[in-house]
N, C-alpha and C. Protein backbone atom coordinates (compact mmCIF):
# COMPACT_ATOMS: atom_id res chain seq x y z
N MET A 1 108.71 93.74 104.80
CA MET A 1 108.15 93.94 106.09
C MET A 1 109.04 94.89 106.80
N ILE A 2 108.47 96.00 107.31
CA ILE A 2 109.24 97.02 108.10
C ILE A 2 108.59 96.94 109.43
N VAL A 3 109.53 96.67 110.39
CA VAL A 3 109.17 96.33 111.74
C VAL A 3 109.65 97.54 112.66
N GLU A 4 108.80 98.28 113.28
CA GLU A 4 109.28 99.33 114.06
C GLU A 4 109.36 98.87 115.58
N MET A 5 110.51 98.80 116.09
CA MET A 5 110.78 98.25 117.36
C MET A 5 110.82 99.34 118.42
N PRO A 6 110.75 99.11 119.74
CA PRO A 6 110.92 100.14 120.66
C PRO A 6 112.36 100.74 120.88
N SER A 7 113.28 100.03 120.35
CA SER A 7 114.68 100.52 120.55
C SER A 7 115.57 100.06 119.30
N VAL A 8 116.71 100.66 119.17
CA VAL A 8 117.68 100.27 118.20
C VAL A 8 118.23 98.93 118.50
N GLU A 9 118.44 98.57 119.71
CA GLU A 9 118.80 97.19 120.05
C GLU A 9 117.93 96.13 119.70
N LEU A 10 116.58 96.40 119.97
CA LEU A 10 115.55 95.39 119.57
C LEU A 10 115.33 95.32 118.05
N ALA A 11 115.56 96.39 117.38
CA ALA A 11 115.57 96.33 115.94
C ALA A 11 116.69 95.43 115.36
N GLU A 12 117.88 95.63 115.87
CA GLU A 12 118.93 94.77 115.46
C GLU A 12 118.73 93.25 115.87
N ARG A 13 118.14 93.07 117.08
CA ARG A 13 117.91 91.70 117.52
C ARG A 13 116.85 91.09 116.65
N ASN A 14 115.81 91.83 116.24
CA ASN A 14 114.82 91.27 115.17
C ASN A 14 115.54 90.89 113.99
N ALA A 15 116.33 91.73 113.36
CA ALA A 15 117.03 91.45 112.10
C ALA A 15 117.97 90.28 112.31
N GLN A 16 118.66 90.20 113.41
CA GLN A 16 119.57 89.05 113.59
C GLN A 16 118.82 87.77 113.83
N LYS A 17 117.69 87.82 114.50
CA LYS A 17 116.87 86.65 114.79
C LYS A 17 116.37 85.96 113.47
N MET A 18 116.03 86.78 112.46
CA MET A 18 115.53 86.28 111.25
C MET A 18 116.57 85.89 110.20
N ARG A 19 117.70 86.14 110.40
CA ARG A 19 118.81 86.03 109.51
C ARG A 19 119.06 84.63 108.83
N ASN A 20 118.55 83.57 109.51
CA ASN A 20 118.66 82.12 109.01
C ASN A 20 117.36 81.61 108.53
N CYS A 21 116.40 82.47 108.45
CA CYS A 21 115.02 82.07 107.99
C CYS A 21 115.03 81.63 106.52
N PRO A 22 114.62 80.44 106.15
CA PRO A 22 114.82 80.03 104.76
C PRO A 22 113.97 80.83 103.83
N ARG A 23 113.01 81.58 104.36
CA ARG A 23 112.17 82.46 103.51
C ARG A 23 112.73 83.91 103.29
N LEU A 24 113.74 84.27 103.99
CA LEU A 24 114.44 85.50 104.04
C LEU A 24 115.36 85.77 102.84
N ILE A 25 115.06 86.96 102.19
CA ILE A 25 115.90 87.32 101.02
C ILE A 25 116.99 88.33 101.50
N LEU A 26 116.51 89.31 102.33
CA LEU A 26 117.25 90.39 102.75
C LEU A 26 116.92 90.91 104.18
N SER A 27 117.79 91.21 104.96
CA SER A 27 117.49 91.71 106.36
C SER A 27 118.48 92.78 106.85
N GLY A 28 118.04 93.71 107.61
CA GLY A 28 118.84 94.75 108.06
C GLY A 28 118.09 95.65 109.03
N PHE A 29 118.77 96.64 109.57
CA PHE A 29 118.11 97.61 110.37
C PHE A 29 118.60 98.96 110.31
N THR A 30 117.94 99.97 110.51
CA THR A 30 118.29 101.37 110.61
C THR A 30 117.59 102.02 111.78
N SER A 31 118.40 102.50 112.74
CA SER A 31 117.72 103.10 113.85
C SER A 31 116.77 102.00 114.60
N ASN A 32 115.64 102.30 114.88
CA ASN A 32 114.75 101.28 115.48
C ASN A 32 113.88 100.55 114.58
N PHE A 33 114.21 100.52 113.35
CA PHE A 33 113.37 99.89 112.20
C PHE A 33 114.18 98.65 111.82
N ALA A 34 113.60 97.47 111.73
CA ALA A 34 114.08 96.27 111.10
C ALA A 34 113.31 96.10 109.79
N TYR A 35 114.20 95.84 108.74
CA TYR A 35 113.65 95.62 107.42
C TYR A 35 114.00 94.10 107.00
N ASN A 36 112.88 93.49 106.63
CA ASN A 36 113.07 92.04 106.24
C ASN A 36 112.25 91.81 104.97
N LEU A 37 112.89 91.20 103.97
CA LEU A 37 112.32 90.88 102.66
C LEU A 37 112.22 89.31 102.56
N PHE A 38 110.96 88.90 102.52
CA PHE A 38 110.70 87.41 102.44
C PHE A 38 110.12 86.99 101.15
N ILE A 39 110.46 85.75 100.79
CA ILE A 39 109.61 85.17 99.59
C ILE A 39 108.71 84.11 100.33
N ILE A 40 107.35 84.45 99.91
CA ILE A 40 106.27 83.52 100.45
C ILE A 40 105.33 83.11 99.40
N SER A 41 104.76 82.01 99.52
CA SER A 41 103.75 81.67 98.52
C SER A 41 102.37 82.34 99.00
N GLU A 42 101.32 82.29 98.02
CA GLU A 42 100.04 82.79 98.31
C GLU A 42 99.51 82.08 99.47
N ARG A 43 99.78 80.77 99.74
CA ARG A 43 99.30 80.02 100.74
C ARG A 43 99.82 80.39 102.16
N GLU A 44 101.00 80.88 102.07
CA GLU A 44 101.71 81.41 103.25
C GLU A 44 101.45 82.85 103.61
N ARG A 45 100.57 83.57 102.80
CA ARG A 45 100.50 84.92 102.94
C ARG A 45 100.06 85.42 104.42
N TRP A 46 99.24 84.62 105.09
CA TRP A 46 98.92 84.81 106.39
C TRP A 46 100.05 84.95 107.32
N TRP A 47 101.20 84.23 106.98
CA TRP A 47 102.42 84.25 107.84
C TRP A 47 103.00 85.71 107.83
N ALA A 48 102.88 86.43 106.88
CA ALA A 48 103.32 87.88 106.87
C ALA A 48 102.24 88.87 107.33
N GLU A 49 100.98 88.55 107.11
CA GLU A 49 99.94 89.42 107.44
C GLU A 49 99.63 89.37 108.96
N TYR A 50 99.90 88.19 109.60
CA TYR A 50 99.58 88.12 110.99
C TYR A 50 100.38 89.13 111.90
N PRO A 51 101.77 89.24 111.73
CA PRO A 51 102.41 90.22 112.59
C PRO A 51 102.12 91.68 112.22
N ALA A 52 101.70 91.85 110.99
CA ALA A 52 101.28 93.21 110.66
C ALA A 52 99.96 93.61 111.40
N GLU A 53 99.10 92.58 111.57
CA GLU A 53 97.94 92.89 112.32
C GLU A 53 98.07 92.81 113.90
N HIS A 54 99.13 91.96 114.21
CA HIS A 54 99.31 91.83 115.69
C HIS A 54 100.91 92.11 115.92
N PRO A 55 101.28 93.27 115.92
CA PRO A 55 102.72 93.68 115.98
C PRO A 55 103.30 93.15 117.36
N GLU A 56 102.40 92.92 118.42
CA GLU A 56 102.89 92.62 119.66
C GLU A 56 103.57 91.24 119.70
N VAL A 57 103.25 90.34 118.67
CA VAL A 57 103.84 89.02 118.71
C VAL A 57 105.35 89.17 118.51
N LEU A 58 105.81 90.23 117.82
CA LEU A 58 107.12 90.42 117.60
C LEU A 58 107.82 91.47 118.56
N GLY A 59 107.00 91.90 119.60
CA GLY A 59 107.39 92.88 120.52
C GLY A 59 107.59 94.23 119.75
N ALA A 60 106.95 94.50 118.78
CA ALA A 60 107.05 95.62 117.92
C ALA A 60 105.98 96.73 118.22
N LYS A 61 106.29 97.94 117.89
CA LYS A 61 105.31 99.10 118.03
C LYS A 61 104.36 98.97 116.86
N SER A 62 104.93 98.69 115.76
CA SER A 62 104.09 98.54 114.47
C SER A 62 104.87 97.75 113.44
N VAL A 63 104.10 97.19 112.48
CA VAL A 63 104.68 96.45 111.36
C VAL A 63 103.94 96.80 110.12
N HIS A 64 104.73 97.34 109.23
CA HIS A 64 104.19 97.79 107.80
C HIS A 64 104.55 96.55 106.82
N LEU A 65 103.48 96.20 106.05
CA LEU A 65 103.73 95.11 105.22
C LEU A 65 103.43 95.52 103.73
N GLU A 66 104.24 95.25 102.83
CA GLU A 66 104.04 95.45 101.41
C GLU A 66 104.28 94.09 100.79
N ILE A 67 103.33 93.64 99.95
CA ILE A 67 103.30 92.46 99.32
C ILE A 67 103.49 92.75 97.75
N VAL A 68 104.60 92.13 97.09
CA VAL A 68 104.78 92.39 95.75
C VAL A 68 104.14 91.12 95.01
N GLU A 69 103.11 91.35 94.26
CA GLU A 69 102.42 90.32 93.65
C GLU A 69 102.90 90.01 92.29
N ASN A 70 103.54 90.90 91.55
CA ASN A 70 104.04 90.70 90.29
C ASN A 70 105.52 90.84 90.22
N LEU A 71 106.24 89.67 90.41
CA LEU A 71 107.66 89.65 90.54
C LEU A 71 108.23 89.67 89.08
N LEU A 72 109.10 90.71 88.84
CA LEU A 72 109.77 90.86 87.54
C LEU A 72 111.09 90.26 87.42
N HIS A 73 111.86 90.45 88.45
CA HIS A 73 113.32 89.94 88.52
C HIS A 73 113.69 89.57 89.78
N PRO A 74 114.16 88.37 90.02
CA PRO A 74 114.46 87.40 89.00
C PRO A 74 113.21 86.70 88.58
N ASP A 75 113.33 86.00 87.53
CA ASP A 75 112.19 85.28 87.04
C ASP A 75 111.61 84.20 87.90
N GLU A 76 112.50 83.67 88.62
CA GLU A 76 112.14 82.62 89.65
C GLU A 76 112.88 82.91 90.88
N SER A 77 112.26 82.63 92.08
CA SER A 77 112.85 82.73 93.39
C SER A 77 112.44 81.52 94.18
N ARG A 78 113.55 81.07 94.91
CA ARG A 78 113.36 79.88 95.70
C ARG A 78 113.83 80.28 97.20
N MET A 79 113.25 79.45 98.19
CA MET A 79 113.74 79.60 99.44
C MET A 79 115.09 78.98 99.56
N SER A 80 115.85 79.34 100.54
CA SER A 80 117.16 78.85 100.86
C SER A 80 116.90 77.73 101.85
N LEU A 81 116.80 76.54 101.35
CA LEU A 81 116.54 75.33 102.22
C LEU A 81 117.82 74.87 102.94
N PRO A 82 117.77 74.54 104.23
CA PRO A 82 118.92 74.09 105.00
C PRO A 82 119.32 72.63 104.55
N VAL A 83 120.54 72.29 104.68
CA VAL A 83 120.94 70.94 104.54
C VAL A 83 120.46 69.96 105.58
N GLU A 84 120.45 70.48 106.84
CA GLU A 84 119.96 69.81 108.01
C GLU A 84 118.82 70.43 108.54
N ARG A 85 117.79 69.63 109.03
CA ARG A 85 116.62 70.30 109.56
C ARG A 85 116.71 70.06 111.09
N PHE A 86 116.16 71.03 111.83
CA PHE A 86 116.23 71.10 113.32
C PHE A 86 114.79 71.03 113.98
N GLU A 87 114.81 70.74 115.25
CA GLU A 87 113.58 70.72 116.07
C GLU A 87 112.91 72.17 116.17
N VAL A 88 113.75 73.16 116.32
CA VAL A 88 113.22 74.50 116.53
C VAL A 88 113.68 75.43 115.30
N ALA A 89 112.82 76.22 114.80
CA ALA A 89 113.10 77.16 113.61
C ALA A 89 114.25 78.04 113.91
N PRO A 90 114.85 78.56 112.94
CA PRO A 90 115.93 79.56 113.17
C PRO A 90 115.55 80.74 113.93
N CYS A 91 114.39 81.16 113.78
CA CYS A 91 113.77 82.30 114.45
C CYS A 91 113.46 82.09 116.05
N GLY A 92 113.42 80.74 116.40
CA GLY A 92 113.21 80.35 117.65
C GLY A 92 111.72 79.75 117.92
N SER A 93 110.88 79.81 116.78
CA SER A 93 109.64 79.19 116.92
C SER A 93 109.67 77.77 117.01
N ASP A 94 108.65 77.18 117.71
CA ASP A 94 108.66 75.72 117.88
C ASP A 94 107.40 75.28 117.05
N CYS A 95 107.78 74.81 115.77
CA CYS A 95 106.61 74.52 114.89
C CYS A 95 105.91 73.25 115.36
N GLY A 96 106.50 72.31 116.22
CA GLY A 96 105.86 71.14 116.63
C GLY A 96 104.80 71.41 117.55
N SER A 97 104.72 72.51 118.25
CA SER A 97 103.60 72.81 119.30
C SER A 97 102.82 74.12 118.99
N CYS A 98 103.10 74.67 117.74
CA CYS A 98 102.50 75.92 117.36
C CYS A 98 101.11 75.87 117.00
N PRO A 99 100.18 76.73 117.66
CA PRO A 99 98.79 76.68 117.33
C PRO A 99 98.46 77.02 115.87
N SER A 100 99.42 77.72 115.22
CA SER A 100 99.12 78.16 113.80
C SER A 100 99.00 76.95 112.84
N ARG A 101 99.49 75.78 113.22
CA ARG A 101 99.36 74.64 112.46
C ARG A 101 97.96 74.35 112.06
N GLU A 102 97.12 74.43 113.21
CA GLU A 102 95.73 74.21 113.02
C GLU A 102 95.01 75.48 112.44
N GLU A 103 95.29 76.55 113.18
CA GLU A 103 94.58 77.82 112.95
C GLU A 103 94.69 78.33 111.43
N PHE A 104 95.90 78.19 110.93
CA PHE A 104 96.19 78.65 109.49
C PHE A 104 96.48 77.45 108.55
N ASP A 105 96.32 76.23 109.10
CA ASP A 105 96.77 75.08 108.24
C ASP A 105 98.35 75.33 107.79
N CYS A 106 99.09 75.64 108.75
CA CYS A 106 100.47 76.02 108.58
C CYS A 106 101.31 74.71 108.33
N GLN A 107 102.22 74.67 107.39
CA GLN A 107 102.99 73.55 106.98
C GLN A 107 104.32 73.50 107.91
N GLY A 108 104.51 74.58 108.67
CA GLY A 108 105.77 74.66 109.48
C GLY A 108 106.85 75.42 108.70
N CYS A 109 108.04 75.46 109.43
CA CYS A 109 109.19 75.98 108.86
C CYS A 109 109.88 75.03 108.09
N PRO A 110 110.42 75.37 106.84
CA PRO A 110 111.15 74.31 106.12
C PRO A 110 112.52 73.95 106.68
N ALA A 111 112.91 74.81 107.73
CA ALA A 111 114.28 74.49 108.36
C ALA A 111 114.03 73.41 109.56
N THR A 112 112.78 72.99 109.86
CA THR A 112 112.52 72.12 110.89
C THR A 112 112.14 70.82 110.43
N ILE A 113 112.27 69.78 111.42
CA ILE A 113 111.75 68.39 111.15
C ILE A 113 110.25 68.41 111.08
N HIS A 114 109.57 69.41 111.49
CA HIS A 114 108.13 69.42 111.55
C HIS A 114 107.53 69.86 110.19
N TYR A 115 108.37 70.24 109.26
CA TYR A 115 107.81 70.78 107.93
C TYR A 115 107.16 69.68 107.22
N ILE A 116 105.99 70.04 106.77
CA ILE A 116 105.14 69.03 105.88
C ILE A 116 104.85 69.40 104.52
N GLY A 117 105.56 70.60 104.14
CA GLY A 117 105.32 71.14 102.74
C GLY A 117 106.18 70.49 101.82
N THR A 118 106.11 70.85 100.57
CA THR A 118 106.83 70.20 99.52
C THR A 118 107.96 71.18 98.84
N GLU A 119 107.96 72.48 99.32
CA GLU A 119 108.91 73.32 98.67
C GLU A 119 110.40 72.98 99.29
């Protein structure tokens, strides 16, 4: 995911905000662009597509999304699950009251006590 922010400071803030996301593989920024590489299941694809269609939810000018459907290396990838779960997700989202739970049948963030998934 390439996120074009209005300023360098906001790009850095976006990259920093996502740094503890359990789905995050890589994060960084150059100029006013934040770069985030996530591992998501097909069921969670909406989670990446939504900000690409609605960049304003991130405070972004634009969001470019590329989805790799045929992973060659590594053979298997896993989320980095936290030892302890919290009320609020590392990115600041409150999964307990998020409308995406119903709208997208979201299982919540694996870093929160609200997560109902099996991963």
